[in-house]
Structure formats: structure tokens, C-alpha cells
Amino acid sequence: MEKLTIVLFWLALISGIASSLAYIGNFVAKAERRVHTYTAVGSALGAFALLLAVIFIRANTLGVAKTAGPFTIRIIFAAFIIGVFLLVESIYAGKSSKVKAFGMVVMPVAVLLQFLAWHSYGVTEELSEQLNSYWVGIHVTFAVLAYASMTVALAIAIAYLLQEKQLRAMRGKKPGKIFRKLPSLEISDELCHKSIAFSFAFLTLVVATGVIRAEMLPEWSQWFMDPKILMAITTWLIYGGYLIVRESFGWQGKRANMFAVVGFAVGIITYLIGNTGIIPSIHSYGGGLG
């Protein structure tokens, strides 16, 4: 079964590359081409399905404990990013077909994660007693969903900020390609808001399940002093702050989208703590599991 999972993995990677090139090709072309659109969406769906197949086959044949590690986590992350993006694209397809333009950022990120996953293929580490719990599986699943939504929100926020900058520079001139190819600022702002709300919900569950599991372990009694947990709570507060100021004070547009960029940056720092050896953490188990 290992050969099968490797073949499926590489097919997923090829599909992801094909989808990325098609999304980029559609964006740079003067006019939208159906072949680009069908290739982009079809290949993205194929990559998503193939990655899910790899995950389930490995889990069923090797067991969850032996498949835990950076390879599995990164392909789950890649699959969820593609899944969240396809969900957003399908929901907003009737409202603005230009939403698909975000695929030229999202799909290459998913491909990069697959390359990083392959780099760590075979790197496994027996789960410690602390991590060998279904609570940890739930906790990690919520975390990957939160990070996938954060990545989609980041792509949308960057597109919004580029559009907004180009709009300011126009001053009566004809709109440039970026402005014409991307969804309106209103739709981008709304999409970013919903992606962050989705991410915040899962971040809340990440913090809650992490605290519940930590409270079960006497050796983790000082969990609230761990830098990774503190940074995770900081990320949660940033996204929570975004939702509060948006709802309470009507923050929209550039300031709100800057929140998405800052929140993602803090989220990446949170992920790196314990996984790079620079800052130690109780989450350093599993060779990047945390």
C-alpha cells in the first residue's frame, strides 16, 4: 500500500501544479479561457480527492500513531486549504466569477506544502503518552482547519490591499489588470471577513481542546507559561479583535484586511515555535506535529 500512497501523492502534486498554472494562466490572459477554468477547478478537485485518499490509506494501513508527523500534517494542511478555497469559490461563483482569481495564490501555497511534505516523508516519531489521545487528534484537526482558513483569508486580504493601492493610484486613469481581474473590493472584504470568522471559530476550538488535554496531564500543569500556547492565544485575540472592531465600530476595508495579514504572521510564528528548535515548547513532539 505504500507504493500506492506514493503514486497517489505524486498524482496529487501534479494536479496541484496543473491547477496553479491554469489559475495563473487565466489571470494573465487577456480574456478568460474555458480550458484554463476547467483545468484549474478540475485539477484542484483532483488534488483534493487524491490527498484525502493518501491520508485515509496511510491511516488505515499504518495506524494513526505511526502516520503522525510532518508529512501527514502538511498534506492534511494542503488538502484543507484546497477544500476551503473550493468551498468559497463554489459559494461565490454566482455572485462573482472573479473569485477564482484567488486560486493563483492559494493553489501554489498548497503545492509548496506538498513539496515540504515530501521532504519530510518517512520522518516519523512514536507518539508520546501525552499525544496518544483522541483529544490531540481533534485538537490538531481543528488547528489545520483554522490555518487553512487563515491562509485563504491572507490571499484575499493581499488581493484586496493590492486592488485598493491600485485604485488610489488610478486618479482618473483606466483600471489596471489587477483591478479588472479580481472581485470587487466589497466582495473581497466580505470574503476575508467570512474566512476569518471561520478561522476564529476553529481557533477557539483549538484553544479549548488544548486546554482540556493539558489539564488532564499533571506534567503540563504549567501549560499557561508555554510560549506556543501564549502565541496561539495571541493569534486568537487578534482575530477576535478583528471581528469585534468590525462589528462594533464598522471597521472595513484596508484596516480590516491589515488585521488578516498581521494575524497570519502571528499564526506562522506560533506554528514555528517548538518546531524549529529556536524557542522550546511542550508542543515540540512529533517532529513538527504541533
C-alpha atoms as a PDB file:
ATOM      1  CA  MET A   1       0.000   0.000   0.000  1.00  0.00           C
ATOM      2  CA  GLU A   2       2.953   2.311   0.490  1.00  0.00           C
ATOM      3  CA  LYS A   3       3.637   2.326  -3.280  1.00  0.00           C
ATOM      4  CA  LEU A   4       0.005   3.205  -3.911  1.00  0.00           C
ATOM      5  CA  THR A   5       0.082   6.136  -1.471  1.00  0.00           C
ATOM      6  CA  ILE A   6       3.300   7.432  -3.083  1.00  0.00           C
ATOM      7  CA  VAL A   7       1.754   7.248  -6.562  1.00  0.00           C
ATOM      8  CA  LEU A   8      -1.395   8.998  -5.353  1.00  0.00           C
ATOM      9  CA  PHE A   9       0.699  11.639  -3.608  1.00  0.00           C
ATOM     10  CA  TRP A  10       2.623  12.464  -6.788  1.00  0.00           C
ATOM     11  CA  LEU A  11      -0.568  12.495  -8.844  1.00  0.00           C
ATOM     12  CA  ALA A  12      -1.972  14.992  -6.310  1.00  0.00           C
ATOM     13  CA  LEU A  13       1.169  17.089  -6.621  1.00  0.00           C
ATOM     14  CA  ILE A  14       0.989  17.076 -10.435  1.00  0.00           C
ATOM     15  CA  SER A  15      -2.712  18.004 -10.248  1.00  0.00           C
ATOM     16  CA  GLY A  16      -1.885  20.861  -7.870  1.00  0.00           C
ATOM     17  CA  ILE A  17       0.809  22.189 -10.217  1.00  0.00           C
ATOM     18  CA  ALA A  18      -1.534  21.929 -13.219  1.00  0.00           C
ATOM     19  CA  SER A  19      -4.244  23.766 -11.294  1.00  0.00           C
ATOM     20  CA  SER A  20      -1.809  26.500 -10.200  1.00  0.00           C
ATOM     21  CA  LEU A  21      -0.600  27.065 -13.768  1.00  0.00           C
ATOM     22  CA  ALA A  22      -4.174  27.156 -15.061  1.00  0.00           C
ATOM     23  CA  TYR A  23      -5.275  29.717 -12.440  1.00  0.00           C
ATOM     24  CA  ILE A  24      -2.213  31.862 -13.204  1.00  0.00           C
ATOM     25  CA  GLY A  25      -2.737  31.437 -16.952  1.00  0.00           C
ATOM     26  CA  ASN A  26      -6.332  32.549 -16.626  1.00  0.00           C
ATOM     27  CA  PHE A  27      -5.266  35.624 -14.688  1.00  0.00           C
ATOM     28  CA  VAL A  28      -2.534  36.791 -17.068  1.00  0.00           C
ATOM     29  CA  ALA A  29      -4.511  36.034 -20.250  1.00  0.00           C
ATOM     30  CA  LYS A  30      -6.286  38.944 -21.898  1.00  0.00           C
ATOM     31  CA  ALA A  31      -9.572  37.048 -21.858  1.00  0.00           C
ATOM     32  CA  GLU A  32     -10.752  34.157 -19.706  1.00  0.00           C
ATOM     33  CA  ARG A  33     -10.418  30.800 -21.417  1.00  0.00           C
ATOM     34  CA  ARG A  34     -12.655  27.857 -20.619  1.00  0.00           C
ATOM     35  CA  VAL A  35      -9.783  25.411 -20.906  1.00  0.00           C
ATOM     36  CA  HIS A  36      -7.958  27.298 -18.151  1.00  0.00           C
ATOM     37  CA  THR A  37     -11.054  27.430 -15.953  1.00  0.00           C
ATOM     38  CA  TYR A  38     -11.920  23.746 -16.347  1.00  0.00           C
ATOM     39  CA  THR A  39      -8.295  22.675 -15.879  1.00  0.00           C
ATOM     40  CA  ALA A  40      -7.891  24.858 -12.791  1.00  0.00           C
ATOM     41  CA  VAL A  41     -11.032  23.673 -10.993  1.00  0.00           C
ATOM     42  CA  GLY A  42     -10.844  20.064 -12.188  1.00  0.00           C
ATOM     43  CA  SER A  43      -7.203  19.684 -11.198  1.00  0.00           C
ATOM     44  CA  ALA A  44      -7.848  21.320  -7.818  1.00  0.00           C
ATOM     45  CA  LEU A  45     -10.696  18.861  -7.156  1.00  0.00           C
ATOM     46  CA  GLY A  46      -8.448  16.001  -8.243  1.00  0.00           C
ATOM     47  CA  ALA A  47      -5.629  17.138  -5.956  1.00  0.00           C
ATOM     48  CA  PHE A  48      -8.064  17.452  -3.035  1.00  0.00           C
ATOM     49  CA  ALA A  49      -9.516  13.953  -3.571  1.00  0.00           C
ATOM     50  CA  LEU A  50      -6.088  12.352  -4.064  1.00  0.00           C
ATOM     51  CA  LEU A  51      -4.664  13.934  -0.912  1.00  0.00           C
ATOM     52  CA  LEU A  52      -7.655  12.713   1.102  1.00  0.00           C
ATOM     53  CA  ALA A  53      -7.065   9.229  -0.326  1.00  0.00           C
ATOM     54  CA  VAL A  54      -3.415   9.348   0.747  1.00  0.00           C
ATOM     55  CA  ILE A  55      -4.396  10.407   4.267  1.00  0.00           C
ATOM     56  CA  PHE A  56      -7.038   7.697   4.728  1.00  0.00           C
ATOM     57  CA  ILE A  57      -4.962   4.894   3.165  1.00  0.00           C
ATOM     58  CA  ARG A  58      -1.947   5.673   5.363  1.00  0.00           C
ATOM     59  CA  ALA A  59      -4.097   5.952   8.480  1.00  0.00           C
ATOM     60  CA  ASN A  60      -5.863   2.651   7.751  1.00  0.00           C
ATOM     61  CA  THR A  61      -2.764   0.658   6.851  1.00  0.00           C
ATOM     62  CA  LEU A  62      -0.221   2.048   9.321  1.00  0.00           C
ATOM     63  CA  GLY A  63      -2.457   3.329  12.094  1.00  0.00           C
ATOM     64  CA  VAL A  64      -2.792   6.887  13.304  1.00  0.00           C
ATOM     65  CA  ALA A  65       0.129   6.637  15.747  1.00  0.00           C
ATOM     66  CA  LYS A  66       2.625   5.633  13.030  1.00  0.00           C
ATOM     67  CA  THR A  67       1.424   8.145  10.451  1.00  0.00           C
ATOM     68  CA  ALA A  68       1.616  11.136  12.773  1.00  0.00           C
ATOM     69  CA  GLY A  69       4.345  13.568  11.829  1.00  0.00           C
ATOM     70  CA  PRO A  70       5.165  16.447   9.490  1.00  0.00           C
ATOM     71  CA  PHE A  71       4.389  14.549   6.256  1.00  0.00           C
ATOM     72  CA  THR A  72       0.819  13.764   7.258  1.00  0.00           C
ATOM     73  CA  ILE A  73       0.183  17.142   8.859  1.00  0.00           C
ATOM     74  CA  ARG A  74       1.409  19.027   5.788  1.00  0.00           C
ATOM     75  CA  ILE A  75      -0.663  17.061   3.289  1.00  0.00           C
ATOM     76  CA  ILE A  76      -3.724  17.468   5.547  1.00  0.00           C
ATOM     77  CA  PHE A  77      -2.962  21.198   5.617  1.00  0.00           C
ATOM     78  CA  ALA A  78      -2.629  21.280   1.809  1.00  0.00           C
ATOM     79  CA  ALA A  79      -5.871  19.313   1.359  1.00  0.00           C
ATOM     80  CA  PHE A  80      -7.826  21.566   3.730  1.00  0.00           C
ATOM     81  CA  ILE A  81      -6.526  24.755   2.051  1.00  0.00           C
ATOM     82  CA  ILE A  82      -7.720  23.450  -1.311  1.00  0.00           C
ATOM     83  CA  GLY A  83     -11.011  22.311   0.241  1.00  0.00           C
ATOM     84  CA  VAL A  84     -11.726  25.655   1.911  1.00  0.00           C
ATOM     85  CA  PHE A  85     -10.872  27.537  -1.286  1.00  0.00           C
ATOM     86  CA  LEU A  86     -13.083  25.309  -3.460  1.00  0.00           C
ATOM     87  CA  LEU A  87     -15.913  25.792  -0.958  1.00  0.00           C
ATOM     88  CA  VAL A  88     -15.510  29.592  -1.123  1.00  0.00           C
ATOM     89  CA  GLU A  89     -15.292  29.502  -4.918  1.00  0.00           C
ATOM     90  CA  SER A  90     -18.430  27.378  -5.261  1.00  0.00           C
ATOM     91  CA  ILE A  91     -20.435  29.563  -2.849  1.00  0.00           C
ATOM     92  CA  TYR A  92     -19.442  32.832  -4.545  1.00  0.00           C
ATOM     93  CA  ALA A  93     -19.336  31.590  -8.155  1.00  0.00           C
ATOM     94  CA  GLY A  94     -22.817  33.004  -8.816  1.00  0.00           C
ATOM     95  CA  LYS A  95     -22.007  36.308  -7.134  1.00  0.00           C
ATOM     96  CA  SER A  96     -18.661  36.957  -8.802  1.00  0.00           C
ATOM     97  CA  SER A  97     -16.862  34.591 -11.138  1.00  0.00           C
ATOM     98  CA  LYS A  98     -13.683  36.580 -10.469  1.00  0.00           C
ATOM     99  CA  VAL A  99     -13.356  34.845  -7.078  1.00  0.00           C
ATOM    100  CA  LYS A 100     -11.486  32.087  -8.899  1.00  0.00           C
ATOM    101  CA  ALA A 101      -8.565  34.519  -9.325  1.00  0.00           C
ATOM    102  CA  PHE A 102      -7.582  33.829  -5.692  1.00  0.00           C
ATOM    103  CA  GLY A 103      -6.637  30.345  -6.850  1.00  0.00           C
ATOM    104  CA  MET A 104      -3.405  31.684  -8.332  1.00  0.00           C
ATOM    105  CA  VAL A 105      -2.233  32.304  -4.736  1.00  0.00           C
ATOM    106  CA  VAL A 106      -3.983  29.509  -2.835  1.00  0.00           C
ATOM    107  CA  MET A 107      -3.044  26.602  -5.113  1.00  0.00           C
ATOM    108  CA  PRO A 108       0.709  27.384  -5.241  1.00  0.00           C
ATOM    109  CA  VAL A 109       0.691  27.526  -1.420  1.00  0.00           C
ATOM    110  CA  ALA A 110      -0.901  24.069  -1.355  1.00  0.00           C
ATOM    111  CA  VAL A 111       1.732  22.806  -3.834  1.00  0.00           C
ATOM    112  CA  LEU A 112       4.520  24.265  -1.683  1.00  0.00           C
ATOM    113  CA  LEU A 113       3.123  22.411   1.339  1.00  0.00           C
ATOM    114  CA  GLN A 114       3.153  19.164  -0.652  1.00  0.00           C
ATOM    115  CA  PHE A 115       6.797  19.703  -1.574  1.00  0.00           C
ATOM    116  CA  LEU A 116       7.584  20.329   2.097  1.00  0.00           C
ATOM    117  CA  ALA A 117       5.606  17.201   2.988  1.00  0.00           C
ATOM    118  CA  TRP A 118       7.635  15.077   0.572  1.00  0.00           C
ATOM    119  CA  HIS A 119      10.836  16.492   2.041  1.00  0.00           C
ATOM    120  CA  SER A 120       9.781  15.026   5.382  1.00  0.00           C
ATOM    121  CA  TYR A 121       8.388  11.755   4.010  1.00  0.00           C
ATOM    122  CA  GLY A 122       9.386   8.884   6.229  1.00  0.00           C
ATOM    123  CA  VAL A 123      10.101  11.148   9.198  1.00  0.00           C
ATOM    124  CA  THR A 124       8.001   9.564  11.899  1.00  0.00           C
ATOM    125  CA  GLU A 125       8.168   9.697  15.631  1.00  0.00           C
ATOM    126  CA  GLU A 126       6.348   7.494  18.050  1.00  0.00           C
ATOM    127  CA  LEU A 127       3.645   9.453  19.768  1.00  0.00           C
ATOM    128  CA  SER A 128       4.388  10.162  23.380  1.00  0.00           C
ATOM    129  CA  GLU A 129       1.876   9.216  26.045  1.00  0.00           C
ATOM    130  CA  GLN A 130       0.747  12.838  26.199  1.00  0.00           C
ATOM    131  CA  LEU A 131      -0.062  12.943  22.475  1.00  0.00           C
ATOM    132  CA  ASN A 132      -1.526   9.469  22.140  1.00  0.00           C
ATOM    133  CA  SER A 133      -5.079  10.626  22.753  1.00  0.00           C
ATOM    134  CA  TYR A 134      -8.130  11.283  20.591  1.00  0.00           C
ATOM    135  CA  TRP A 135      -8.217  14.746  22.158  1.00  0.00           C
ATOM    136  CA  VAL A 136      -4.964  15.533  20.362  1.00  0.00           C
ATOM    137  CA  GLY A 137      -6.387  14.278  17.052  1.00  0.00           C
ATOM    138  CA  ILE A 138      -9.396  16.575  17.456  1.00  0.00           C
ATOM    139  CA  HIS A 139      -7.132  19.445  18.552  1.00  0.00           C
ATOM    140  CA  VAL A 140      -4.824  19.066  15.514  1.00  0.00           C
ATOM    141  CA  THR A 141      -7.747  18.732  13.073  1.00  0.00           C
ATOM    142  CA  PHE A 142      -9.242  21.987  14.355  1.00  0.00           C
ATOM    143  CA  ALA A 143      -5.816  23.647  14.115  1.00  0.00           C
ATOM    144  CA  VAL A 144      -5.312  22.605  10.485  1.00  0.00           C
ATOM    145  CA  LEU A 145      -8.809  23.850   9.569  1.00  0.00           C
ATOM    146  CA  ALA A 146      -8.067  27.166  11.313  1.00  0.00           C
ATOM    147  CA  TYR A 147      -4.736  27.568   9.499  1.00  0.00           C
ATOM    148  CA  ALA A 148      -6.299  26.645   6.153  1.00  0.00           C
ATOM    149  CA  SER A 149      -8.922  29.382   6.607  1.00  0.00           C
ATOM    150  CA  MET A 150      -6.231  31.831   7.714  1.00  0.00           C
ATOM    151  CA  THR A 151      -4.270  31.104   4.522  1.00  0.00           C
ATOM    152  CA  VAL A 152      -7.322  31.722   2.317  1.00  0.00           C
ATOM    153  CA  ALA A 153      -8.069  34.932   4.267  1.00  0.00           C
ATOM    154  CA  LEU A 154      -4.465  36.058   3.760  1.00  0.00           C
ATOM    155  CA  ALA A 155      -4.655  35.523  -0.016  1.00  0.00           C
ATOM    156  CA  ILE A 156      -7.890  37.523  -0.181  1.00  0.00           C
ATOM    157  CA  ALA A 157      -6.524  40.288   2.077  1.00  0.00           C
ATOM    158  CA  ILE A 158      -3.378  40.686  -0.050  1.00  0.00           C
ATOM    159  CA  ALA A 159      -5.509  40.874  -3.195  1.00  0.00           C
ATOM    160  CA  TYR A 160      -7.707  43.496  -1.521  1.00  0.00           C
ATOM    161  CA  LEU A 161      -4.730  45.628  -0.465  1.00  0.00           C
ATOM    162  CA  LEU A 162      -3.192  45.450  -3.977  1.00  0.00           C
ATOM    163  CA  GLN A 163      -6.501  46.453  -5.520  1.00  0.00           C
ATOM    164  CA  GLU A 164      -7.013  49.268  -3.060  1.00  0.00           C
ATOM    165  CA  LYS A 165      -3.494  50.575  -3.739  1.00  0.00           C
ATOM    166  CA  GLN A 166      -4.037  50.452  -7.486  1.00  0.00           C
ATOM    167  CA  LEU A 167      -7.381  52.207  -7.121  1.00  0.00           C
ATOM    168  CA  ARG A 168      -5.751  55.073  -5.237  1.00  0.00           C
ATOM    169  CA  ALA A 169      -3.043  55.363  -7.900  1.00  0.00           C
ATOM    170  CA  MET A 170      -5.507  55.462 -10.801  1.00  0.00           C
ATOM    171  CA  ARG A 171      -6.759  59.034 -10.344  1.00  0.00           C
ATOM    172  CA  GLY A 172      -8.889  59.042 -13.478  1.00  0.00           C
ATOM    173  CA  LYS A 173      -6.744  56.584 -15.417  1.00  0.00           C
ATOM    174  CA  LYS A 174      -8.043  53.308 -16.848  1.00  0.00           C
ATOM    175  CA  PRO A 175      -8.057  50.458 -14.289  1.00  0.00           C
ATOM    176  CA  GLY A 176      -5.076  48.094 -14.462  1.00  0.00           C
ATOM    177  CA  LYS A 177      -5.167  44.323 -14.896  1.00  0.00           C
ATOM    178  CA  ILE A 178      -5.189  43.551 -11.183  1.00  0.00           C
ATOM    179  CA  PHE A 179      -8.236  45.718 -10.679  1.00  0.00           C
ATOM    180  CA  ARG A 180     -10.097  44.219 -13.629  1.00  0.00           C
ATOM    181  CA  LYS A 181      -9.267  40.591 -12.904  1.00  0.00           C
ATOM    182  CA  LEU A 182     -10.087  40.450  -9.196  1.00  0.00           C
ATOM    183  CA  PRO A 183     -13.501  40.609  -7.496  1.00  0.00           C
ATOM    184  CA  SER A 184     -14.769  43.979  -6.312  1.00  0.00           C
ATOM    185  CA  LEU A 185     -13.344  45.392  -3.100  1.00  0.00           C
ATOM    186  CA  GLU A 186     -16.699  44.831  -1.395  1.00  0.00           C
ATOM    187  CA  ILE A 187     -16.747  41.117  -2.235  1.00  0.00           C
ATOM    188  CA  SER A 188     -13.071  40.664  -1.286  1.00  0.00           C
ATOM    189  CA  ASP A 189     -13.710  42.399   2.035  1.00  0.00           C
ATOM    190  CA  GLU A 190     -16.745  40.210   2.721  1.00  0.00           C
ATOM    191  CA  LEU A 191     -14.868  37.029   1.795  1.00  0.00           C
ATOM    192  CA  CYS A 192     -11.950  37.933   4.021  1.00  0.00           C
ATOM    193  CA  HIS A 193     -14.378  38.604   6.879  1.00  0.00           C
ATOM    194  CA  LYS A 194     -16.082  35.228   6.499  1.00  0.00           C
ATOM    195  CA  SER A 195     -12.793  33.358   6.180  1.00  0.00           C
ATOM    196  CA  ILE A 196     -11.542  34.974   9.383  1.00  0.00           C
ATOM    197  CA  ALA A 197     -14.822  34.236  11.189  1.00  0.00           C
ATOM    198  CA  PHE A 198     -14.470  30.593  10.101  1.00  0.00           C
ATOM    199  CA  SER A 199     -10.855  30.538  11.273  1.00  0.00           C
ATOM    200  CA  PHE A 200     -11.706  32.202  14.600  1.00  0.00           C
ATOM    201  CA  ALA A 201     -14.349  29.550  15.339  1.00  0.00           C
ATOM    202  CA  PHE A 202     -11.794  26.775  14.862  1.00  0.00           C
ATOM    203  CA  LEU A 203      -9.091  28.693  16.737  1.00  0.00           C
ATOM    204  CA  THR A 204     -11.484  28.850  19.681  1.00  0.00           C
ATOM    205  CA  LEU A 205     -11.919  25.080  19.496  1.00  0.00           C
ATOM    206  CA  VAL A 206      -8.132  24.650  19.199  1.00  0.00           C
ATOM    207  CA  VAL A 207      -7.532  26.613  22.399  1.00  0.00           C
ATOM    208  CA  ALA A 208     -10.404  24.864  24.228  1.00  0.00           C
ATOM    209  CA  THR A 209      -9.367  21.310  23.303  1.00  0.00           C
ATOM    210  CA  GLY A 210      -5.709  22.124  24.004  1.00  0.00           C
ATOM    211  CA  VAL A 211      -6.533  23.390  27.484  1.00  0.00           C
ATOM    212  CA  ILE A 212      -8.758  20.372  28.198  1.00  0.00           C
ATOM    213  CA  ARG A 213      -5.992  17.943  27.199  1.00  0.00           C
ATOM    214  CA  ALA A 214      -3.318  19.899  29.102  1.00  0.00           C
ATOM    215  CA  GLU A 215      -5.440  19.857  32.263  1.00  0.00           C
ATOM    216  CA  MET A 216      -5.514  16.047  32.054  1.00  0.00           C
ATOM    217  CA  LEU A 217      -1.708  15.885  32.319  1.00  0.00           C
ATOM    218  CA  PRO A 218      -0.031  16.694  35.670  1.00  0.00           C
ATOM    219  CA  GLU A 219       3.319  17.252  33.878  1.00  0.00           C
ATOM    220  CA  TRP A 220       1.703  20.020  31.799  1.00  0.00           C
ATOM    221  CA  SER A 221       0.332  21.865  34.834  1.00  0.00           C
ATOM    222  CA  GLN A 222       2.261  24.987  33.766  1.00  0.00           C
ATOM    223  CA  TRP A 223       0.815  24.950  30.230  1.00  0.00           C
ATOM    224  CA  PHE A 224      -0.176  28.604  30.507  1.00  0.00           C
ATOM    225  CA  MET A 225       3.546  29.500  30.588  1.00  0.00           C
ATOM    226  CA  ASP A 226       4.322  27.750  27.296  1.00  0.00           C
ATOM    227  CA  PRO A 227       5.312  30.246  24.528  1.00  0.00           C
ATOM    228  CA  LYS A 228       3.442  28.386  21.791  1.00  0.00           C
ATOM    229  CA  ILE A 229       0.219  28.391  23.783  1.00  0.00           C
ATOM    230  CA  LEU A 230       0.651  32.072  24.627  1.00  0.00           C
ATOM    231  CA  MET A 231       1.191  32.897  20.947  1.00  0.00           C
ATOM    232  CA  ALA A 232      -1.823  30.775  19.965  1.00  0.00           C
ATOM    233  CA  ILE A 233      -3.943  32.781  22.399  1.00  0.00           C
ATOM    234  CA  THR A 234      -2.457  35.992  20.938  1.00  0.00           C
ATOM    235  CA  THR A 235      -3.493  34.862  17.445  1.00  0.00           C
ATOM    236  CA  TRP A 236      -6.965  34.111  18.771  1.00  0.00           C
ATOM    237  CA  LEU A 237      -7.158  37.595  20.345  1.00  0.00           C
ATOM    238  CA  ILE A 238      -6.067  39.292  17.090  1.00  0.00           C
ATOM    239  CA  TYR A 239      -8.750  37.549  15.063  1.00  0.00           C
ATOM    240  CA  GLY A 240     -11.276  38.080  17.843  1.00  0.00           C
ATOM    241  CA  GLY A 241     -10.307  41.768  17.885  1.00  0.00           C
ATOM    242  CA  TYR A 242     -10.834  41.928  14.130  1.00  0.00           C
ATOM    243  CA  LEU A 243     -14.372  40.569  14.474  1.00  0.00           C
ATOM    244  CA  ILE A 244     -15.187  42.883  17.391  1.00  0.00           C
ATOM    245  CA  VAL A 245     -13.976  46.117  15.780  1.00  0.00           C
ATOM    246  CA  ARG A 246     -15.637  45.190  12.518  1.00  0.00           C
ATOM    247  CA  GLU A 247     -19.000  44.500  14.124  1.00  0.00           C
ATOM    248  CA  SER A 248     -18.873  47.187  16.818  1.00  0.00           C
ATOM    249  CA  PHE A 249     -17.026  50.032  15.102  1.00  0.00           C
ATOM    250  CA  GLY A 250     -17.694  49.284  11.454  1.00  0.00           C
ATOM    251  CA  TRP A 251     -14.059  48.681  10.562  1.00  0.00           C
ATOM    252  CA  GLN A 252     -13.896  47.540   6.969  1.00  0.00           C
ATOM    253  CA  GLY A 253     -11.572  47.922   4.049  1.00  0.00           C
ATOM    254  CA  LYS A 254      -7.843  48.476   4.365  1.00  0.00           C
ATOM    255  CA  ARG A 255      -7.596  48.493   8.173  1.00  0.00           C
ATOM    256  CA  ALA A 256      -9.670  45.327   8.496  1.00  0.00           C
ATOM    257  CA  ASN A 257      -7.639  43.500   5.840  1.00  0.00           C
ATOM    258  CA  MET A 258      -4.392  44.524   7.533  1.00  0.00           C
ATOM    259  CA  PHE A 259      -5.706  42.607  10.555  1.00  0.00           C
ATOM    260  CA  ALA A 260      -5.789  39.459   8.407  1.00  0.00           C
ATOM    261  CA  VAL A 261      -2.162  39.937   7.353  1.00  0.00           C
ATOM    262  CA  VAL A 262      -0.966  40.610  10.917  1.00  0.00           C
ATOM    263  CA  GLY A 263      -2.990  37.696  12.289  1.00  0.00           C
ATOM    264  CA  PHE A 264      -1.493  35.296   9.744  1.00  0.00           C
ATOM    265  CA  ALA A 265       2.048  36.494  10.538  1.00  0.00           C
ATOM    266  CA  VAL A 266       1.468  35.849  14.248  1.00  0.00           C
ATOM    267  CA  GLY A 267      -0.086  32.479  13.389  1.00  0.00           C
ATOM    268  CA  ILE A 268       3.019  31.443  11.440  1.00  0.00           C
ATOM    269  CA  ILE A 269       5.266  32.437  14.356  1.00  0.00           C
ATOM    270  CA  THR A 270       3.015  30.352  16.592  1.00  0.00           C
ATOM    271  CA  TYR A 271       3.429  27.347  14.301  1.00  0.00           C
ATOM    272  CA  LEU A 272       7.222  27.713  14.171  1.00  0.00           C
ATOM    273  CA  ILE A 273       7.619  27.786  17.958  1.00  0.00           C
ATOM    274  CA  GLY A 274       8.569  24.310  19.088  1.00  0.00           C
ATOM    275  CA  ASN A 275       9.077  23.097  15.507  1.00  0.00           C
ATOM    276  CA  THR A 276      12.346  24.884  14.716  1.00  0.00           C
ATOM    277  CA  GLY A 277      14.306  24.417  17.930  1.00  0.00           C
ATOM    278  CA  ILE A 278      14.798  28.185  18.324  1.00  0.00           C
ATOM    279  CA  ILE A 279      12.150  28.554  21.004  1.00  0.00           C
ATOM    280  CA  PRO A 280      11.409  25.387  23.012  1.00  0.00           C
ATOM    281  CA  SER A 281       7.849  24.344  23.701  1.00  0.00           C
ATOM    282  CA  ILE A 282       5.926  21.406  25.095  1.00  0.00           C
ATOM    283  CA  HIS A 283       4.481  21.188  21.565  1.00  0.00           C
ATOM    284  CA  SER A 284       7.794  20.080  20.043  1.00  0.00           C
ATOM    285  CA  TYR A 285       6.702  16.442  19.904  1.00  0.00           C
ATOM    286  CA  GLY A 286       6.295  14.581  16.657  1.00  0.00           C
ATOM    287  CA  GLY A 287       8.904  16.337  14.536  1.00  0.00           C
ATOM    288  CA  GLY A 288       6.605  19.169  13.618  1.00  0.00           C
ATOM    289  CA  LEU A 289       3.331  17.675  14.733  1.00  0.00           C
ATOM    290  CA  GLY A 290       2.479  20.817  16.676  1.00  0.00           C
END
